[in-house]
């Protein structure tokens, strides 16, 4: 899946600098281990995961910032994406833009936040017409495990057809 510039929920820090990160292993998602939550700090970092439709292609990366920022990541198909995100209003709803080195562009909207884990949940569309699902936050692995019972990116990203809340 392609990563889009996200306007992430207020729980998600804004991005000021992003390093393209990680690839998932067969045993489970590999997310940045050096992401540190720093409330109200533009250097705050949150892991993010995205799935490109039901294709089995996934992205992992990071979002940097607080209430506004940047994001970047790498797909399991070998292309990288980056963008910007912003949070709107007191509910923490947000939006993001995305550009990828393979020419894809897109936008995403964060419409929900899991109350137990603080994970931001979003849905977007790429210039190819494909939808993608995304999740971000410091407890994203726990959220995905609770929601799907498995952290295998192939299992997680195969057959997704609607947003999860």
C-alpha atoms as a PDB file:
ATOM      1  CA  UNK A   1       0.000   0.000   0.000  1.00  0.00           C
ATOM      2  CA  UNK A   2       1.109   3.487  -0.556  1.00  0.00           C
ATOM      3  CA  UNK A   3       1.673   5.879   2.255  1.00  0.00           C
ATOM      4  CA  UNK A   4      -0.060   9.159   1.988  1.00  0.00           C
ATOM      5  CA  UNK A   5       0.570  12.470   3.626  1.00  0.00           C
ATOM      6  CA  UNK A   6      -1.628  12.151   6.662  1.00  0.00           C
ATOM      7  CA  UNK A   7      -3.334  14.723   8.679  1.00  0.00           C
ATOM      8  CA  UNK A   8      -3.253  12.531  11.652  1.00  0.00           C
ATOM      9  CA  UNK A   9      -5.404  12.452  14.717  1.00  0.00           C
ATOM     10  CA  UNK A  10      -4.414  14.689  17.576  1.00  0.00           C
ATOM     11  CA  UNK A  11      -3.048  11.590  19.251  1.00  0.00           C
ATOM     12  CA  UNK A  12      -0.538  11.349  16.415  1.00  0.00           C
ATOM     13  CA  UNK A  13       2.391  13.745  16.451  1.00  0.00           C
ATOM     14  CA  UNK A  14       3.109  15.976  13.476  1.00  0.00           C
ATOM     15  CA  UNK A  15       5.957  15.133  11.247  1.00  0.00           C
ATOM     16  CA  UNK A  16       8.962  17.347  10.822  1.00  0.00           C
ATOM     17  CA  UNK A  17      11.429  14.863   9.450  1.00  0.00           C
ATOM     18  CA  UNK A  18      10.910  11.372   8.196  1.00  0.00           C
ATOM     19  CA  UNK A  19      13.168   8.494   7.521  1.00  0.00           C
ATOM     20  CA  UNK A  20      11.967   5.805   5.174  1.00  0.00           C
ATOM     21  CA  UNK A  21      11.748   2.700   7.231  1.00  0.00           C
ATOM     22  CA  UNK A  22      11.416  -0.941   7.515  1.00  0.00           C
ATOM     23  CA  UNK A  23       9.984  -3.812   5.723  1.00  0.00           C
ATOM     24  CA  UNK A  24       7.725  -6.341   7.376  1.00  0.00           C
ATOM     25  CA  UNK A  25       9.059  -9.760   8.093  1.00  0.00           C
ATOM     26  CA  UNK A  26       7.192 -12.984   7.493  1.00  0.00           C
ATOM     27  CA  UNK A  27       6.749 -13.312  11.254  1.00  0.00           C
ATOM     28  CA  UNK A  28       4.990  -9.990  11.604  1.00  0.00           C
ATOM     29  CA  UNK A  29       5.109  -6.279  11.031  1.00  0.00           C
ATOM     30  CA  UNK A  30       8.445  -4.624  11.593  1.00  0.00           C
ATOM     31  CA  UNK A  31       7.860  -1.030  12.656  1.00  0.00           C
ATOM     32  CA  UNK A  32      10.375   1.651  13.580  1.00  0.00           C
ATOM     33  CA  UNK A  33      11.736   0.916  17.030  1.00  0.00           C
ATOM     34  CA  UNK A  34      13.175   4.387  17.511  1.00  0.00           C
ATOM     35  CA  UNK A  35       9.848   6.270  17.297  1.00  0.00           C
ATOM     36  CA  UNK A  36       9.363   8.285  20.466  1.00  0.00           C
ATOM     37  CA  UNK A  37       6.098   9.917  21.485  1.00  0.00           C
ATOM     38  CA  UNK A  38       6.820  13.495  22.547  1.00  0.00           C
ATOM     39  CA  UNK A  39       3.564  15.338  23.303  1.00  0.00           C
ATOM     40  CA  UNK A  40       3.386  18.843  21.802  1.00  0.00           C
ATOM     41  CA  UNK A  41       6.815  18.370  20.169  1.00  0.00           C
ATOM     42  CA  UNK A  42       7.362  18.649  16.403  1.00  0.00           C
ATOM     43  CA  UNK A  43       9.938  15.849  16.697  1.00  0.00           C
ATOM     44  CA  UNK A  44       7.349  13.385  18.018  1.00  0.00           C
ATOM     45  CA  UNK A  45       7.236  10.135  16.033  1.00  0.00           C
ATOM     46  CA  UNK A  46       4.500   7.518  15.537  1.00  0.00           C
ATOM     47  CA  UNK A  47       4.694   4.233  13.608  1.00  0.00           C
ATOM     48  CA  UNK A  48       2.248   3.729  10.754  1.00  0.00           C
ATOM     49  CA  UNK A  49       0.963   0.784   8.739  1.00  0.00           C
ATOM     50  CA  UNK A  50      -1.084   0.782   5.540  1.00  0.00           C
ATOM     51  CA  UNK A  51      -2.603  -1.879   3.281  1.00  0.00           C
ATOM     52  CA  UNK A  52      -3.252  -1.394  -0.432  1.00  0.00           C
ATOM     53  CA  UNK A  53      -6.759  -2.722  -0.981  1.00  0.00           C
ATOM     54  CA  UNK A  54      -6.906  -6.506  -0.770  1.00  0.00           C
ATOM     55  CA  UNK A  55      -3.675  -6.944  -2.750  1.00  0.00           C
ATOM     56  CA  UNK A  56      -1.484  -8.067   0.144  1.00  0.00           C
ATOM     57  CA  UNK A  57       0.838  -5.093  -0.454  1.00  0.00           C
ATOM     58  CA  UNK A  58       1.549  -3.180   2.725  1.00  0.00           C
ATOM     59  CA  UNK A  59       3.536  -0.145   3.894  1.00  0.00           C
ATOM     60  CA  UNK A  60       5.349   0.556   7.105  1.00  0.00           C
ATOM     61  CA  UNK A  61       6.833   3.851   8.156  1.00  0.00           C
ATOM     62  CA  UNK A  62       6.584   6.770  10.496  1.00  0.00           C
ATOM     63  CA  UNK A  63       4.778  10.054  10.978  1.00  0.00           C
ATOM     64  CA  UNK A  64       6.699  12.946  12.506  1.00  0.00           C
ATOM     65  CA  UNK A  65       5.191  16.008  14.176  1.00  0.00           C
ATOM     66  CA  UNK A  66       2.363  17.136  16.418  1.00  0.00           C
ATOM     67  CA  UNK A  67      -1.042  18.193  14.963  1.00  0.00           C
ATOM     68  CA  UNK A  68       0.735  18.649  11.628  1.00  0.00           C
ATOM     69  CA  UNK A  69       3.769  17.088  10.048  1.00  0.00           C
ATOM     70  CA  UNK A  70       5.193  14.695   7.500  1.00  0.00           C
ATOM     71  CA  UNK A  71       5.229  10.939   6.968  1.00  0.00           C
ATOM     72  CA  UNK A  72       7.282   8.442   4.979  1.00  0.00           C
ATOM     73  CA  UNK A  73       7.463   4.726   4.479  1.00  0.00           C
ATOM     74  CA  UNK A  74       8.293   1.843   2.179  1.00  0.00           C
ATOM     75  CA  UNK A  75       6.007  -0.709   0.587  1.00  0.00           C
ATOM     76  CA  UNK A  76       6.447  -4.456   0.464  1.00  0.00           C
ATOM     77  CA  UNK A  77       6.498  -3.996  -3.343  1.00  0.00           C
ATOM     78  CA  UNK A  78       9.674  -1.895  -3.049  1.00  0.00           C
ATOM     79  CA  UNK A  79       8.457   1.659  -3.624  1.00  0.00           C
ATOM     80  CA  UNK A  80       8.648   4.524  -1.141  1.00  0.00           C
ATOM     81  CA  UNK A  81       6.028   7.137  -0.312  1.00  0.00           C
ATOM     82  CA  UNK A  82       5.980  10.370   1.657  1.00  0.00           C
ATOM     83  CA  UNK A  83       3.660  13.277   2.343  1.00  0.00           C
ATOM     84  CA  UNK A  84       2.158  15.659   4.848  1.00  0.00           C
ATOM     85  CA  UNK A  85      -0.644  15.363   7.384  1.00  0.00           C
ATOM     86  CA  UNK A  86      -2.728  17.699   9.514  1.00  0.00           C
ATOM     87  CA  UNK A  87      -5.196  17.319  12.366  1.00  0.00           C
ATOM     88  CA  UNK A  88      -8.442  19.289  12.294  1.00  0.00           C
ATOM     89  CA  UNK A  89     -10.561  20.262  15.280  1.00  0.00           C
ATOM     90  CA  UNK A  90     -10.933  18.935  18.773  1.00  0.00           C
ATOM     91  CA  UNK A  91     -12.008  15.437  17.650  1.00  0.00           C
ATOM     92  CA  UNK A  92      -8.586  14.801  16.150  1.00  0.00           C
ATOM     93  CA  UNK A  93      -9.900  13.982  12.695  1.00  0.00           C
ATOM     94  CA  UNK A  94      -7.321  14.545  10.023  1.00  0.00           C
ATOM     95  CA  UNK A  95      -6.177  14.252   6.464  1.00  0.00           C
ATOM     96  CA  UNK A  96      -2.979  13.495   4.602  1.00  0.00           C
ATOM     97  CA  UNK A  97      -1.431  13.684   1.157  1.00  0.00           C
ATOM     98  CA  UNK A  98       0.856  11.107  -0.415  1.00  0.00           C
ATOM     99  CA  UNK A  99       3.399  10.941  -3.213  1.00  0.00           C
ATOM    100  CA  UNK A 100       5.303   7.814  -4.184  1.00  0.00           C
ATOM    101  CA  UNK A 101       8.500   7.289  -6.135  1.00  0.00           C
ATOM    102  CA  UNK A 102       6.573   5.074  -8.591  1.00  0.00           C
ATOM    103  CA  UNK A 103       4.342   8.023  -9.621  1.00  0.00           C
ATOM    104  CA  UNK A 104       1.296   7.247  -7.466  1.00  0.00           C
ATOM    105  CA  UNK A 105      -0.301  10.087  -5.509  1.00  0.00           C
ATOM    106  CA  UNK A 106      -3.270  10.135  -3.177  1.00  0.00           C
ATOM    107  CA  UNK A 107      -5.063  11.411  -0.133  1.00  0.00           C
ATOM    108  CA  UNK A 108      -6.304   9.871   3.091  1.00  0.00           C
ATOM    109  CA  UNK A 109      -8.651  10.815   5.903  1.00  0.00           C
ATOM    110  CA  UNK A 110      -8.430   9.740   9.511  1.00  0.00           C
ATOM    111  CA  UNK A 111     -11.976   9.260  10.697  1.00  0.00           C
ATOM    112  CA  UNK A 112     -11.626   7.320  13.929  1.00  0.00           C
ATOM    113  CA  UNK A 113      -9.420   6.674  16.925  1.00  0.00           C
ATOM    114  CA  UNK A 114      -9.474   3.444  18.878  1.00  0.00           C
ATOM    115  CA  UNK A 115     -10.232   4.370  22.525  1.00  0.00           C
ATOM    116  CA  UNK A 116      -8.231   1.464  23.989  1.00  0.00           C
ATOM    117  CA  UNK A 117      -4.974   1.941  22.058  1.00  0.00           C
ATOM    118  CA  UNK A 118      -5.180   5.510  20.723  1.00  0.00           C
ATOM    119  CA  UNK A 119      -4.585   4.181  17.210  1.00  0.00           C
ATOM    120  CA  UNK A 120      -5.648   6.510  14.402  1.00  0.00           C
ATOM    121  CA  UNK A 121      -7.666   4.733  11.699  1.00  0.00           C
ATOM    122  CA  UNK A 122      -7.931   6.027   8.160  1.00  0.00           C
ATOM    123  CA  UNK A 123      -8.945   5.311   4.615  1.00  0.00           C
ATOM    124  CA  UNK A 124      -7.560   6.753   1.399  1.00  0.00           C
ATOM    125  CA  UNK A 125      -7.508   6.489  -2.369  1.00  0.00           C
ATOM    126  CA  UNK A 126      -4.566   6.492  -4.753  1.00  0.00           C
ATOM    127  CA  UNK A 127      -4.365   8.030  -8.220  1.00  0.00           C
ATOM    128  CA  UNK A 128      -4.636   4.440  -9.578  1.00  0.00           C
ATOM    129  CA  UNK A 129      -8.131   4.239  -8.038  1.00  0.00           C
ATOM    130  CA  UNK A 130      -7.081   1.733  -5.375  1.00  0.00           C
ATOM    131  CA  UNK A 131      -8.261   2.241  -1.819  1.00  0.00           C
ATOM    132  CA  UNK A 132      -5.954   1.789   1.114  1.00  0.00           C
ATOM    133  CA  UNK A 133      -6.422   1.382   4.847  1.00  0.00           C
ATOM    134  CA  UNK A 134      -4.044   2.885   7.366  1.00  0.00           C
ATOM    135  CA  UNK A 135      -3.369   2.856  11.055  1.00  0.00           C
ATOM    136  CA  UNK A 136      -0.954   4.922  13.137  1.00  0.00           C
ATOM    137  CA  UNK A 137       0.012   5.308  16.764  1.00  0.00           C
ATOM    138  CA  UNK A 138       2.330   3.911  19.385  1.00  0.00           C
ATOM    139  CA  UNK A 139       0.085   0.932  20.088  1.00  0.00           C
ATOM    140  CA  UNK A 140      -0.719   0.107  16.460  1.00  0.00           C
ATOM    141  CA  UNK A 141       0.630  -3.459  16.744  1.00  0.00           C
ATOM    142  CA  UNK A 142      -1.628  -4.146  19.749  1.00  0.00           C
ATOM    143  CA  UNK A 143      -4.613  -2.637  17.900  1.00  0.00           C
ATOM    144  CA  UNK A 144      -4.029  -4.789  14.800  1.00  0.00           C
ATOM    145  CA  UNK A 145      -3.509  -7.906  16.902  1.00  0.00           C
ATOM    146  CA  UNK A 146      -6.729  -7.212  18.847  1.00  0.00           C
ATOM    147  CA  UNK A 147      -8.653  -6.460  15.649  1.00  0.00           C
ATOM    148  CA  UNK A 148      -7.327  -9.219  13.371  1.00  0.00           C
ATOM    149  CA  UNK A 149      -5.655 -11.720  15.679  1.00  0.00           C
ATOM    150  CA  UNK A 150      -2.517 -11.803  13.520  1.00  0.00           C
ATOM    151  CA  UNK A 151       0.347  -9.473  12.676  1.00  0.00           C
ATOM    152  CA  UNK A 152       1.311 -11.184   9.431  1.00  0.00           C
ATOM    153  CA  UNK A 153       1.248  -8.332   6.892  1.00  0.00           C
ATOM    154  CA  UNK A 154       0.194 -10.683   4.110  1.00  0.00           C
ATOM    155  CA  UNK A 155      -2.778 -11.978   6.126  1.00  0.00           C
ATOM    156  CA  UNK A 156      -3.594  -8.494   7.426  1.00  0.00           C
ATOM    157  CA  UNK A 157      -3.569  -6.852   3.991  1.00  0.00           C
ATOM    158  CA  UNK A 158      -5.227  -9.608   1.956  1.00  0.00           C
ATOM    159  CA  UNK A 159      -8.961  -9.253   1.507  1.00  0.00           C
ATOM    160  CA  UNK A 160      -9.506  -5.933   3.278  1.00  0.00           C
ATOM    161  CA  UNK A 161     -12.615  -4.405   1.777  1.00  0.00           C
ATOM    162  CA  UNK A 162     -13.901  -1.898   4.313  1.00  0.00           C
ATOM    163  CA  UNK A 163     -12.528   0.358   7.023  1.00  0.00           C
ATOM    164  CA  UNK A 164     -12.090  -1.125  10.453  1.00  0.00           C
ATOM    165  CA  UNK A 165     -13.054   0.814  13.551  1.00  0.00           C
END
